[in-house]
Amino acid sequence: MAYVISSDCVACGACAESCPVSAISEGESQYIIDADVCVDCGSCASNCPVEAIAQA
């Protein structure tokens, strides 16, 4: 089960920097997670300063 980024995202990039498989990229208004690449490690969620990331 991959993680998802909610609209609470402030586009700081902390999640993308912490992703070990580069599954996170910058979208138009917030970062997005590629569910096919995500390995469900939770690193992004634990590094998000606004708690905008949760399991889908």
PDB file of N, CA and C in Angstrom:
ATOM      1  N   MET A   1       0.852  -1.176   0.000  1.00  0.00           N
ATOM      2  CA  MET A   1       0.000   0.000   0.000  1.00  0.00           C
ATOM      3  C   MET A   1       0.895   1.236   0.000  1.00  0.00           C
ATOM      4  N   ALA A   2       0.833   2.003  -1.058  1.00  0.00           N
ATOM      5  CA  ALA A   2       1.677   3.187  -1.202  1.00  0.00           C
ATOM      6  C   ALA A   2       1.172   4.340  -0.339  1.00  0.00           C
ATOM      7  N   TYR A   3       2.025   5.306  -0.177  1.00  0.00           N
ATOM      8  CA  TYR A   3       1.676   6.518   0.556  1.00  0.00           C
ATOM      9  C   TYR A   3       1.107   7.543  -0.422  1.00  0.00           C
ATOM     10  N   VAL A   4       0.331   8.485   0.090  1.00  0.00           N
ATOM     11  CA  VAL A   4      -0.211   9.571  -0.722  1.00  0.00           C
ATOM     12  C   VAL A   4       0.037  10.895  -0.002  1.00  0.00           C
ATOM     13  N   ILE A   5       0.137  11.954  -0.784  1.00  0.00           N
ATOM     14  CA  ILE A   5       0.363  13.287  -0.246  1.00  0.00           C
ATOM     15  C   ILE A   5      -0.940  14.075  -0.371  1.00  0.00           C
ATOM     16  N   SER A   6      -1.398  14.623   0.732  1.00  0.00           N
ATOM     17  CA  SER A   6      -2.659  15.372   0.739  1.00  0.00           C
ATOM     18  C   SER A   6      -2.458  16.814   0.273  1.00  0.00           C
ATOM     19  N   SER A   7      -3.548  17.524   0.165  1.00  0.00           N
ATOM     20  CA  SER A   7      -3.497  18.925  -0.246  1.00  0.00           C
ATOM     21  C   SER A   7      -2.871  19.825   0.817  1.00  0.00           C
ATOM     22  N   ASP A   8      -2.553  19.265   1.986  1.00  0.00           N
ATOM     23  CA  ASP A   8      -1.864  20.024   3.038  1.00  0.00           C
ATOM     24  C   ASP A   8      -0.393  20.254   2.698  1.00  0.00           C
ATOM     25  N   CYS A   9       0.089  19.614   1.634  1.00  0.00           N
ATOM     26  CA  CYS A   9       1.486  19.722   1.205  1.00  0.00           C
ATOM     27  C   CYS A   9       1.857  21.184   0.967  1.00  0.00           C
ATOM     28  N   VAL A  10       3.013  21.598   1.505  1.00  0.00           N
ATOM     29  CA  VAL A  10       3.513  22.956   1.310  1.00  0.00           C
ATOM     30  C   VAL A  10       4.678  22.991   0.307  1.00  0.00           C
ATOM     31  N   ALA A  11       4.899  21.891  -0.388  1.00  0.00           N
ATOM     32  CA  ALA A  11       5.913  21.777  -1.436  1.00  0.00           C
ATOM     33  C   ALA A  11       7.323  22.131  -0.965  1.00  0.00           C
ATOM     34  N   CYS A  12       7.683  21.673   0.223  1.00  0.00           N
ATOM     35  CA  CYS A  12       9.015  21.965   0.759  1.00  0.00           C
ATOM     36  C   CYS A  12      10.092  21.029   0.207  1.00  0.00           C
ATOM     37  N   GLY A  13       9.694  19.836  -0.244  1.00  0.00           N
ATOM     38  CA  GLY A  13      10.650  18.898  -0.815  1.00  0.00           C
ATOM     39  C   GLY A  13      11.300  17.945   0.159  1.00  0.00           C
ATOM     40  N   ALA A  14      10.983  18.036   1.435  1.00  0.00           N
ATOM     41  CA  ALA A  14      11.605  17.155   2.431  1.00  0.00           C
ATOM     42  C   ALA A  14      11.306  15.690   2.143  1.00  0.00           C
ATOM     43  N   CYS A  15      10.123  15.409   1.660  1.00  0.00           N
ATOM     44  CA  CYS A  15       9.732  14.031   1.364  1.00  0.00           C
ATOM     45  C   CYS A  15      10.556  13.463   0.213  1.00  0.00           C
ATOM     46  N   ALA A  16      10.707  14.241  -0.844  1.00  0.00           N
ATOM     47  CA  ALA A  16      11.452  13.785  -2.014  1.00  0.00           C
ATOM     48  C   ALA A  16      12.909  13.508  -1.667  1.00  0.00           C
ATOM     49  N   GLU A  17      13.489  14.351  -0.835  1.00  0.00           N
ATOM     50  CA  GLU A  17      14.884  14.174  -0.430  1.00  0.00           C
ATOM     51  C   GLU A  17      15.074  12.915   0.401  1.00  0.00           C
ATOM     52  N   SER A  18      14.039  12.505   1.141  1.00  0.00           N
ATOM     53  CA  SER A  18      14.171  11.350   2.026  1.00  0.00           C
ATOM     54  C   SER A  18      13.788  10.027   1.377  1.00  0.00           C
ATOM     55  N   CYS A  19      13.212  10.057   0.173  1.00  0.00           N
ATOM     56  CA  CYS A  19      12.748   8.834  -0.486  1.00  0.00           C
ATOM     57  C   CYS A  19      13.931   8.038  -1.044  1.00  0.00           C
ATOM     58  N   PRO A  20      14.106   6.793  -0.585  1.00  0.00           N
ATOM     59  CA  PRO A  20      15.257   5.995  -1.030  1.00  0.00           C
ATOM     60  C   PRO A  20      15.140   5.472  -2.460  1.00  0.00           C
ATOM     61  N   VAL A  21      13.944   5.507  -3.051  1.00  0.00           N
ATOM     62  CA  VAL A  21      13.754   4.980  -4.403  1.00  0.00           C
ATOM     63  C   VAL A  21      13.303   6.050  -5.399  1.00  0.00           C
ATOM     64  N   SER A  22      13.383   7.307  -5.014  1.00  0.00           N
ATOM     65  CA  SER A  22      13.006   8.441  -5.873  1.00  0.00           C
ATOM     66  C   SER A  22      11.600   8.316  -6.440  1.00  0.00           C
ATOM     67  N   ALA A  23      10.654   7.935  -5.591  1.00  0.00           N
ATOM     68  CA  ALA A  23       9.260   7.776  -6.008  1.00  0.00           C
ATOM     69  C   ALA A  23       8.475   9.076  -5.926  1.00  0.00           C
ATOM     70  N   ILE A  24       9.089  10.132  -5.415  1.00  0.00           N
ATOM     71  CA  ILE A  24       8.382  11.394  -5.204  1.00  0.00           C
ATOM     72  C   ILE A  24       8.937  12.466  -6.132  1.00  0.00           C
ATOM     73  N   SER A  25       8.008  13.162  -6.783  1.00  0.00           N
ATOM     74  CA  SER A  25       8.416  14.232  -7.690  1.00  0.00           C
ATOM     75  C   SER A  25       7.531  15.449  -7.471  1.00  0.00           C
ATOM     76  N   GLU A  26       7.994  16.576  -7.967  1.00  0.00           N
ATOM     77  CA  GLU A  26       7.262  17.821  -7.803  1.00  0.00           C
ATOM     78  C   GLU A  26       6.161  17.914  -8.850  1.00  0.00           C
ATOM     79  N   GLY A  27       4.931  18.099  -8.369  1.00  0.00           N
ATOM     80  CA  GLY A  27       3.799  18.290  -9.264  1.00  0.00           C
ATOM     81  C   GLY A  27       3.561  19.771  -9.479  1.00  0.00           C
ATOM     82  N   GLU A  28       2.394  20.111 -10.007  1.00  0.00           N
ATOM     83  CA  GLU A  28       2.094  21.517 -10.282  1.00  0.00           C
ATOM     84  C   GLU A  28       1.986  22.363  -9.017  1.00  0.00           C
ATOM     85  N   SER A  29       1.274  21.843  -8.013  1.00  0.00           N
ATOM     86  CA  SER A  29       1.083  22.630  -6.790  1.00  0.00           C
ATOM     87  C   SER A  29       1.587  21.932  -5.542  1.00  0.00           C
ATOM     88  N   GLN A  30       1.938  20.659  -5.648  1.00  0.00           N
ATOM     89  CA  GLN A  30       2.443  19.898  -4.509  1.00  0.00           C
ATOM     90  C   GLN A  30       3.236  18.709  -5.029  1.00  0.00           C
ATOM     91  N   TYR A  31       3.905  18.020  -4.131  1.00  0.00           N
ATOM     92  CA  TYR A  31       4.654  16.839  -4.521  1.00  0.00           C
ATOM     93  C   TYR A  31       3.705  15.657  -4.684  1.00  0.00           C
ATOM     94  N   ILE A  32       4.100  14.690  -5.517  1.00  0.00           N
ATOM     95  CA  ILE A  32       3.277  13.504  -5.753  1.00  0.00           C
ATOM     96  C   ILE A  32       4.138  12.248  -5.618  1.00  0.00           C
ATOM     97  N   ILE A  33       3.499  11.155  -5.233  1.00  0.00           N
ATOM     98  CA  ILE A  33       4.188   9.878  -5.056  1.00  0.00           C
ATOM     99  C   ILE A  33       3.741   8.914  -6.154  1.00  0.00           C
ATOM    100  N   ASP A  34       4.699   8.307  -6.836  1.00  0.00           N
ATOM    101  CA  ASP A  34       4.409   7.292  -7.845  1.00  0.00           C
ATOM    102  C   ASP A  34       4.190   5.965  -7.114  1.00  0.00           C
ATOM    103  N   ALA A  35       2.948   5.521  -7.055  1.00  0.00           N
ATOM    104  CA  ALA A  35       2.586   4.309  -6.313  1.00  0.00           C
ATOM    105  C   ALA A  35       3.275   3.065  -6.855  1.00  0.00           C
ATOM    106  N   ASP A  36       3.624   3.061  -8.138  1.00  0.00           N
ATOM    107  CA  ASP A  36       4.283   1.898  -8.732  1.00  0.00           C
ATOM    108  C   ASP A  36       5.738   1.788  -8.308  1.00  0.00           C
ATOM    109  N   VAL A  37       6.320   2.887  -7.862  1.00  0.00           N
ATOM    110  CA  VAL A  37       7.726   2.901  -7.453  1.00  0.00           C
ATOM    111  C   VAL A  37       7.872   2.848  -5.930  1.00  0.00           C
ATOM    112  N   CYS A  38       6.902   3.380  -5.215  1.00  0.00           N
ATOM    113  CA  CYS A  38       6.928   3.441  -3.746  1.00  0.00           C
ATOM    114  C   CYS A  38       7.100   2.050  -3.141  1.00  0.00           C
ATOM    115  N   VAL A  39       8.033   1.932  -2.194  1.00  0.00           N
ATOM    116  CA  VAL A  39       8.288   0.655  -1.521  1.00  0.00           C
ATOM    117  C   VAL A  39       7.676   0.613  -0.123  1.00  0.00           C
ATOM    118  N   ASP A  40       6.838   1.603   0.182  1.00  0.00           N
ATOM    119  CA  ASP A  40       6.075   1.619   1.433  1.00  0.00           C
ATOM    120  C   ASP A  40       6.960   1.647   2.678  1.00  0.00           C
ATOM    121  N   CYS A  41       8.067   2.389   2.617  1.00  0.00           N
ATOM    122  CA  CYS A  41       8.989   2.427   3.752  1.00  0.00           C
ATOM    123  C   CYS A  41       8.576   3.433   4.827  1.00  0.00           C
ATOM    124  N   GLY A  42       7.818   4.470   4.444  1.00  0.00           N
ATOM    125  CA  GLY A  42       7.365   5.464   5.408  1.00  0.00           C
ATOM    126  C   GLY A  42       8.340   6.592   5.678  1.00  0.00           C
ATOM    127  N   SER A  43       9.459   6.596   5.014  1.00  0.00           N
ATOM    128  CA  SER A  43      10.451   7.643   5.228  1.00  0.00           C
ATOM    129  C   SER A  43       9.884   9.024   4.918  1.00  0.00           C
ATOM    130  N   CYS A  44       9.111   9.117   3.873  1.00  0.00           N
ATOM    131  CA  CYS A  44       8.529  10.405   3.484  1.00  0.00           C
ATOM    132  C   CYS A  44       7.598  10.940   4.564  1.00  0.00           C
ATOM    133  N   ALA A  45       6.746  10.070   5.086  1.00  0.00           N
ATOM    134  CA  ALA A  45       5.776  10.495   6.100  1.00  0.00           C
ATOM    135  C   ALA A  45       6.468  10.966   7.373  1.00  0.00           C
ATOM    136  N   SER A  46       7.527  10.289   7.754  1.00  0.00           N
ATOM    137  CA  SER A  46       8.211  10.678   8.984  1.00  0.00           C
ATOM    138  C   SER A  46       9.028  11.954   8.818  1.00  0.00           C
ATOM    139  N   ASN A  47       9.308  12.363   7.584  1.00  0.00           N
ATOM    140  CA  ASN A  47      10.083  13.576   7.331  1.00  0.00           C
ATOM    141  C   ASN A  47       9.232  14.768   6.913  1.00  0.00           C
ATOM    142  N   CYS A  48       7.930  14.580   6.769  1.00  0.00           N
ATOM    143  CA  CYS A  48       7.063  15.672   6.353  1.00  0.00           C
ATOM    144  C   CYS A  48       6.774  16.607   7.536  1.00  0.00           C
ATOM    145  N   PRO A  49       7.152  17.883   7.426  1.00  0.00           N
ATOM    146  CA  PRO A  49       6.973  18.808   8.540  1.00  0.00           C
ATOM    147  C   PRO A  49       5.513  19.196   8.819  1.00  0.00           C
ATOM    148  N   VAL A  50       4.622  18.973   7.843  1.00  0.00           N
ATOM    149  CA  VAL A  50       3.218  19.343   8.041  1.00  0.00           C
ATOM    150  C   VAL A  50       2.297  18.124   8.095  1.00  0.00           C
ATOM    151  N   GLU A  51       2.886  16.945   8.179  1.00  0.00           N
ATOM    152  CA  GLU A  51       2.133  15.675   8.273  1.00  0.00           C
ATOM    153  C   GLU A  51       1.112  15.531   7.159  1.00  0.00           C
ATOM    154  N   ALA A  52       1.529  15.828   5.928  1.00  0.00           N
ATOM    155  CA  ALA A  52       0.643  15.766   4.762  1.00  0.00           C
ATOM    156  C   ALA A  52       0.680  14.414   4.059  1.00  0.00           C
ATOM    157  N   ILE A  53       1.436  13.439   4.608  1.00  0.00           N
ATOM    158  CA  ILE A  53       1.596  12.157   3.936  1.00  0.00           C
ATOM    159  C   ILE A  53       1.056  11.031   4.823  1.00  0.00           C
ATOM    160  N   ALA A  54       0.250  10.155   4.200  1.00  0.00           N
ATOM    161  CA  ALA A  54      -0.337   9.020   4.920  1.00  0.00           C
ATOM    162  C   ALA A  54      -0.439   7.831   3.974  1.00  0.00           C
ATOM    163  N   GLN A  55      -0.617   6.661   4.538  1.00  0.00           N
ATOM    164  CA  GLN A  55      -0.814   5.476   3.707  1.00  0.00           C
ATOM    165  C   GLN A  55      -2.160   5.547   3.022  1.00  0.00           C
ATOM    166  N   ALA A  56      -2.192   5.103   1.785  1.00  0.00           N
ATOM    167  CA  ALA A  56      -3.428   5.108   0.994  1.00  0.00           C
ATOM    168  C   ALA A  56      -4.382   4.035   1.478  1.00  0.00           C
TER     169      ALA A  56
END
